[in-house]
C-alpha atoms as a PDB file:
ATOM      1  CA  MET A   1     188.036 -49.925 150.083  1.00  0.00           C
ATOM      2  CA  LYS A   2     184.484 -48.614 149.623  1.00  0.00           C
ATOM      3  CA  ASP A   3     183.406 -45.660 151.774  1.00  0.00           C
ATOM      4  CA  GLU A   4     180.160 -46.670 153.570  1.00  0.00           C
ATOM      5  CA  THR A   5     178.938 -43.052 153.677  1.00  0.00           C
ATOM      6  CA  LEU A   6     178.782 -43.048 149.864  1.00  0.00           C
ATOM      7  CA  ASP A   7     176.510 -46.109 149.788  1.00  0.00           C
ATOM      8  CA  HIS A   8     173.373 -43.937 149.439  1.00  0.00           C
ATOM      9  CA  ASP A   9     171.090 -44.796 146.497  1.00  0.00           C
ATOM     10  CA  PRO A  10     169.948 -41.445 145.013  1.00  0.00           C
ATOM     11  CA  ARG A  11     166.907 -43.137 143.443  1.00  0.00           C
ATOM     12  CA  ARG A  12     165.592 -44.479 146.745  1.00  0.00           C
ATOM     13  CA  VAL A  13     162.593 -42.601 148.160  1.00  0.00           C
ATOM     14  CA  THR A  14     163.337 -41.149 151.591  1.00  0.00           C
ATOM     15  CA  ASP A  15     161.373 -39.835 154.547  1.00  0.00           C
ATOM     16  CA  LEU A  16     162.141 -36.332 153.274  1.00  0.00           C
ATOM     17  CA  ASP A  17     160.455 -37.214 149.956  1.00  0.00           C
ATOM     18  CA  ALA A  18     157.372 -38.358 151.886  1.00  0.00           C
ATOM     19  CA  SER A  19     157.355 -35.112 153.876  1.00  0.00           C
ATOM     20  CA  ILE A  20     157.609 -33.066 150.666  1.00  0.00           C
ATOM     21  CA  GLY A  21     154.722 -35.092 149.221  1.00  0.00           C
ATOM     22  CA  THR A  22     152.576 -34.352 152.273  1.00  0.00           C
ATOM     23  CA  ARG A  23     153.330 -30.635 151.935  1.00  0.00           C
ATOM     24  CA  LEU A  24     152.522 -30.818 148.187  1.00  0.00           C
ATOM     25  CA  ARG A  25     149.123 -32.323 149.019  1.00  0.00           C
ATOM     26  CA  MET A  26     148.513 -29.674 151.699  1.00  0.00           C
ATOM     27  CA  ALA A  27     149.300 -26.877 149.237  1.00  0.00           C
ATOM     28  CA  ARG A  28     147.122 -28.419 146.523  1.00  0.00           C
ATOM     29  CA  LEU A  29     144.143 -28.850 148.833  1.00  0.00           C
ATOM     30  CA  ALA A  30     144.552 -25.383 150.331  1.00  0.00           C
ATOM     31  CA  ALA A  31     144.554 -23.925 146.799  1.00  0.00           C
ATOM     32  CA  GLY A  32     141.471 -25.978 145.904  1.00  0.00           C
ATOM     33  CA  PHE A  33     143.176 -27.589 142.892  1.00  0.00           C
ATOM     34  CA  SER A  34     142.549 -31.092 141.611  1.00  0.00           C
ATOM     35  CA  GLN A  35     145.449 -33.436 140.964  1.00  0.00           C
ATOM     36  CA  THR A  36     144.695 -33.038 137.250  1.00  0.00           C
ATOM     37  CA  VAL A  37     145.103 -29.246 137.369  1.00  0.00           C
ATOM     38  CA  VAL A  38     148.400 -29.596 139.221  1.00  0.00           C
ATOM     39  CA  ALA A  39     149.556 -32.315 136.821  1.00  0.00           C
ATOM     40  CA  ASP A  40     148.790 -30.146 133.795  1.00  0.00           C
ATOM     41  CA  HIS A  41     150.763 -27.245 135.273  1.00  0.00           C
ATOM     42  CA  LEU A  42     153.720 -29.481 136.130  1.00  0.00           C
ATOM     43  CA  GLY A  43     153.659 -31.355 132.827  1.00  0.00           C
ATOM     44  CA  VAL A  44     153.117 -34.772 134.410  1.00  0.00           C
ATOM     45  CA  SER A  45     150.187 -37.195 134.711  1.00  0.00           C
ATOM     46  CA  PHE A  46     147.732 -36.949 137.604  1.00  0.00           C
ATOM     47  CA  GLN A  47     148.955 -40.422 138.610  1.00  0.00           C
ATOM     48  CA  GLN A  48     152.443 -38.952 138.984  1.00  0.00           C
ATOM     49  CA  VAL A  49     151.040 -36.234 141.262  1.00  0.00           C
ATOM     50  CA  GLN A  50     149.412 -39.002 143.336  1.00  0.00           C
ATOM     51  CA  LYS A  51     152.790 -40.734 143.634  1.00  0.00           C
ATOM     52  CA  TYR A  52     154.488 -37.476 144.668  1.00  0.00           C
ATOM     53  CA  GLU A  53     151.825 -36.858 147.315  1.00  0.00           C
ATOM     54  CA  ARG A  54     152.077 -40.401 148.700  1.00  0.00           C
ATOM     55  CA  GLY A  55     155.850 -40.110 148.767  1.00  0.00           C
ATOM     56  CA  SER A  56     156.286 -43.161 146.543  1.00  0.00           C
ATOM     57  CA  ASN A  57     158.121 -41.162 143.839  1.00  0.00           C
ATOM     58  CA  ARG A  58     160.731 -38.455 144.194  1.00  0.00           C
ATOM     59  CA  ILE A  59     160.010 -34.989 142.832  1.00  0.00           C
ATOM     60  CA  SER A  60     162.725 -33.162 140.907  1.00  0.00           C
ATOM     61  CA  ALA A  61     163.965 -29.746 141.981  1.00  0.00           C
ATOM     62  CA  ALA A  62     162.581 -28.148 138.806  1.00  0.00           C
ATOM     63  CA  THR A  63     159.145 -29.726 139.320  1.00  0.00           C
ATOM     64  CA  LEU A  64     159.141 -28.650 142.970  1.00  0.00           C
ATOM     65  CA  TYR A  65     160.037 -25.110 141.884  1.00  0.00           C
ATOM     66  CA  ASN A  66     157.121 -25.114 139.411  1.00  0.00           C
ATOM     67  CA  ALA A  67     154.778 -26.391 142.140  1.00  0.00           C
ATOM     68  CA  ALA A  68     155.893 -23.585 144.466  1.00  0.00           C
ATOM     69  CA  SER A  69     155.171 -21.106 141.674  1.00  0.00           C
ATOM     70  CA  LEU A  70     151.714 -22.602 141.063  1.00  0.00           C
ATOM     71  CA  PHE A  71     150.762 -22.391 144.748  1.00  0.00           C
ATOM     72  CA  GLY A  72     152.378 -18.999 145.303  1.00  0.00           C
ATOM     73  CA  VAL A  73     154.657 -20.254 148.059  1.00  0.00           C
ATOM     74  CA  SER A  74     158.384 -20.244 148.593  1.00  0.00           C
ATOM     75  CA  ILE A  75     160.122 -23.483 147.671  1.00  0.00           C
ATOM     76  CA  LEU A  76     161.106 -23.600 151.349  1.00  0.00           C
ATOM     77  CA  PHE A  77     157.425 -24.255 152.176  1.00  0.00           C
ATOM     78  CA  PHE A  78     157.986 -27.876 151.150  1.00  0.00           C
ATOM     79  CA  PHE A  79     160.817 -28.215 153.674  1.00  0.00           C
ATOM     80  CA  GLU A  80     159.213 -26.473 156.666  1.00  0.00           C
ATOM     81  CA  ASP A  81     158.597 -29.751 158.509  1.00  0.00           C
ATOM     82  CA  ALA A  82     162.111 -30.986 157.756  1.00  0.00           C
ATOM     83  CA  GLU A  83     165.030 -30.641 160.103  1.00  0.00           C
ATOM     84  CA  ASP A  84     168.666 -30.514 159.119  1.00  0.00           C
ATOM     85  CA  PRO A  85     168.733 -33.177 156.352  1.00  0.00           C
ATOM     86  CA  VAL A  86     171.919 -34.677 157.756  1.00  0.00           C
ATOM     87  CA  ALA A  87     170.475 -35.123 161.238  1.00  0.00           C
ATOM     88  CA  MET A  88     166.806 -35.546 160.301  1.00  0.00           C
ATOM     89  CA  PRO A  89     165.071 -38.371 162.178  1.00  0.00           C
ATOM     90  CA  PRO A  90     162.682 -40.630 160.248  1.00  0.00           C
ATOM     91  CA  ILE A  91     159.226 -39.155 159.713  1.00  0.00           C
ATOM     92  CA  THR A  92     156.790 -41.765 160.927  1.00  0.00           C
ATOM     93  CA  VAL A  93     153.733 -39.778 161.997  1.00  0.00           C
ATOM     94  CA  VAL A  94     151.723 -37.241 160.043  1.00  0.00           C
ATOM     95  CA  THR A  95     150.983 -34.289 162.295  1.00  0.00           C
ATOM     96  CA  ALA A  96     147.444 -33.542 163.397  1.00  0.00           C
ATOM     97  CA  THR A  97     147.645 -30.271 161.472  1.00  0.00           C
ATOM     98  CA  SER A  98     148.573 -32.087 158.257  1.00  0.00           C
ATOM     99  CA  GLU A  99     145.717 -34.536 158.774  1.00  0.00           C
ATOM    100  CA  LEU A 100     143.268 -31.680 159.339  1.00  0.00           C
ATOM    101  CA  VAL A 101     144.407 -29.807 156.215  1.00  0.00           C
ATOM    102  CA  ALA A 102     144.085 -32.980 154.156  1.00  0.00           C
ATOM    103  CA  SER A 103     140.560 -33.777 155.433  1.00  0.00           C
ATOM    104  CA  LYS A 104     137.304 -32.600 153.847  1.00  0.00           C
ATOM    105  CA  ARG A 105     136.272 -31.046 157.158  1.00  0.00           C
ATOM    106  CA  GLY A 106     139.576 -29.185 157.351  1.00  0.00           C
ATOM    107  CA  GLN A 107     139.220 -27.949 153.783  1.00  0.00           C
ATOM    108  CA  ALA A 108     135.717 -26.656 154.519  1.00  0.00           C
ATOM    109  CA  LEU A 109     137.026 -24.930 157.637  1.00  0.00           C
ATOM    110  CA  LEU A 110     139.910 -23.314 155.744  1.00  0.00           C
ATOM    111  CA  ARG A 111     137.719 -22.167 152.837  1.00  0.00           C
ATOM    112  CA  ASN A 112     135.142 -20.578 155.129  1.00  0.00           C
ATOM    113  CA  PHE A 113     137.752 -19.114 157.459  1.00  0.00           C
ATOM    114  CA  ALA A 114     139.721 -17.577 154.564  1.00  0.00           C
ATOM    115  CA  ALA A 115     136.540 -16.100 153.080  1.00  0.00           C
ATOM    116  CA  SER A 116     135.619 -14.446 156.393  1.00  0.00           C
ATOM    117  CA  SER A 117     136.527 -10.949 157.556  1.00  0.00           C
ATOM    118  CA  PRO A 118     139.370 -10.508 160.063  1.00  0.00           C
ATOM    119  CA  ARG A 119     136.738  -9.737 162.728  1.00  0.00           C
ATOM    120  CA  VAL A 120     134.907 -13.025 162.073  1.00  0.00           C
ATOM    121  CA  GLN A 121     138.234 -14.909 161.982  1.00  0.00           C
ATOM    122  CA  SER A 122     139.195 -13.495 165.388  1.00  0.00           C
ATOM    123  CA  ALA A 123     135.767 -14.334 166.814  1.00  0.00           C
ATOM    124  CA  THR A 124     136.064 -17.875 165.460  1.00  0.00           C
ATOM    125  CA  ILE A 125     139.468 -18.345 167.079  1.00  0.00           C
ATOM    126  CA  ASP A 126     138.129 -16.976 170.378  1.00  0.00           C
ATOM    127  CA  LEU A 127     135.131 -19.335 170.184  1.00  0.00           C
ATOM    128  CA  LEU A 128     137.340 -22.377 169.552  1.00  0.00           C
ATOM    129  CA  ARG A 129     139.665 -21.451 172.431  1.00  0.00           C
ATOM    130  CA  SER A 130     136.678 -20.985 174.739  1.00  0.00           C
ATOM    131  CA  LEU A 131     135.193 -24.349 173.738  1.00  0.00           C
ATOM    132  CA  ARG A 132     138.512 -26.108 174.348  1.00  0.00           C
ATOM    133  CA  ARG A 133     138.932 -24.518 177.775  1.00  0.00           C
ATOM    134  CA  SER A 134     135.380 -25.399 178.847  1.00  0.00           C
ATOM    135  CA  GLY A 135     135.650 -29.007 177.681  1.00  0.00           C
ATOM    136  CA  GLU A 136     132.928 -28.484 175.088  1.00  0.00           C
ATOM    137  CA  ASP A 137     135.260 -29.784 172.371  1.00  0.00           C
ATOM    138  CA  ASP A 138     134.041 -33.283 173.251  1.00  0.00           C
ATOM    139  CA  LEU A 139     130.739 -32.750 171.432  1.00  0.00           C
ATOM    140  CA  PRO A 140     129.357 -35.796 169.583  1.00  0.00           C
ATOM    141  CA  GLU A 141     130.303 -36.249 165.906  1.00  0.00           C
ATOM    142  CA  GLU A 142     127.851 -35.027 163.289  1.00  0.00           C
END
């Protein structure tokens, strides 16, 4: 009799793979690297990096380790959005934070924020909080 719990296909892409791909893209964009630069470092094609980021291909542990090294993050960075893998619910929505980090506007914000002094960073945070509280965050799009 076949045990149903062992019916998992290890080659099938999972929601966890998609989450790891999203985190890979976030790290790449935050570092300001192209897919080609990342691909060269990992020893794969840029198309393979695209597939990792979309979550359509699985990424090996060794490749993930090399990516963590490239971005200067712990390998656990790629699992920060994940819950206990046994009890993890399906990931169906990309968080607003992930969408912001992946956007051009978000990248510009991060680059300028990171290049600013701690005093300017604090003032920026205070300004954003003040705008949200006053309802001024509903300004028209540029």
